[in-house]
Protein backbone atom coordinates (compact mmCIF):
# COMPACT_ATOMS: atom_id res chain seq x y z
CA MET A 1 -9.92 -67.21 40.21
CA GLY A 2 -7.55 -69.85 41.10
CA GLY A 3 -4.59 -71.23 39.91
CA ARG A 4 -2.71 -73.00 37.50
CA ASN A 5 -4.18 -76.80 38.98
CA GLN A 6 -7.51 -75.73 39.52
CA GLU A 7 -7.85 -74.60 36.12
CA LEU A 8 -6.43 -77.86 34.47
CA ALA A 9 -9.06 -79.78 36.92
CA LEU A 10 -11.56 -77.86 36.01
CA SER A 11 -11.18 -77.78 32.67
CA VAL A 12 -10.99 -81.67 32.74
CA ALA A 13 -13.83 -82.09 34.45
CA LEU A 14 -16.01 -79.91 32.26
CA ASN A 15 -14.76 -81.51 28.63
CA LEU A 16 -15.35 -84.81 30.34
CA LYS A 17 -18.51 -84.83 31.92
CA ASP A 18 -20.17 -87.15 30.12
CA SER A 19 -17.38 -89.86 30.09
CA GLU A 20 -18.55 -92.86 31.85
CA GLU A 21 -14.70 -93.83 33.34
CA CYS A 22 -12.52 -90.87 34.22
CA VAL A 23 -9.94 -89.96 36.98
CA ILE A 24 -7.74 -86.68 37.68
CA ALA A 25 -5.71 -85.44 40.21
CA SER A 26 -4.22 -81.96 40.43
CA PHE A 27 -2.23 -80.87 42.58
CA SER A 28 1.06 -78.79 43.17
CA THR A 29 4.16 -78.63 45.42
CA ASP A 30 5.47 -75.38 45.35
CA GLY A 31 3.21 -74.34 48.30
CA VAL A 32 1.27 -71.55 46.09
CA ASP A 33 -1.94 -72.59 44.28
CA GLY A 34 -3.86 -69.37 43.64
CA PRO A 35 -5.84 -66.94 46.34
CA THR A 36 -7.86 -69.94 47.57
CA ASP A 37 -7.65 -72.54 50.50
CA ALA A 38 -7.71 -75.21 48.08
CA SER A 39 -4.59 -77.57 47.38
CA LEU A 40 -5.85 -80.67 45.64
CA VAL A 41 -8.90 -81.09 43.27
CA ALA A 42 -9.95 -84.24 42.54
CA GLU A 43 -12.38 -85.27 39.62
CA TYR A 44 -13.66 -89.32 39.91
CA HIS A 45 -15.62 -90.93 37.79
CA LEU A 46 -15.99 -95.18 37.10
């Protein structure tokens, strides 16, 4: 359950979990991104 940005970030995180170098940031500016209080998801691997 979550919005499009949460879906994008989780999908990328799962697909690139074995990557040694990965940066992704997903955020929304429309004020509504699903039914949770989360407004930003970031995945960082270097």
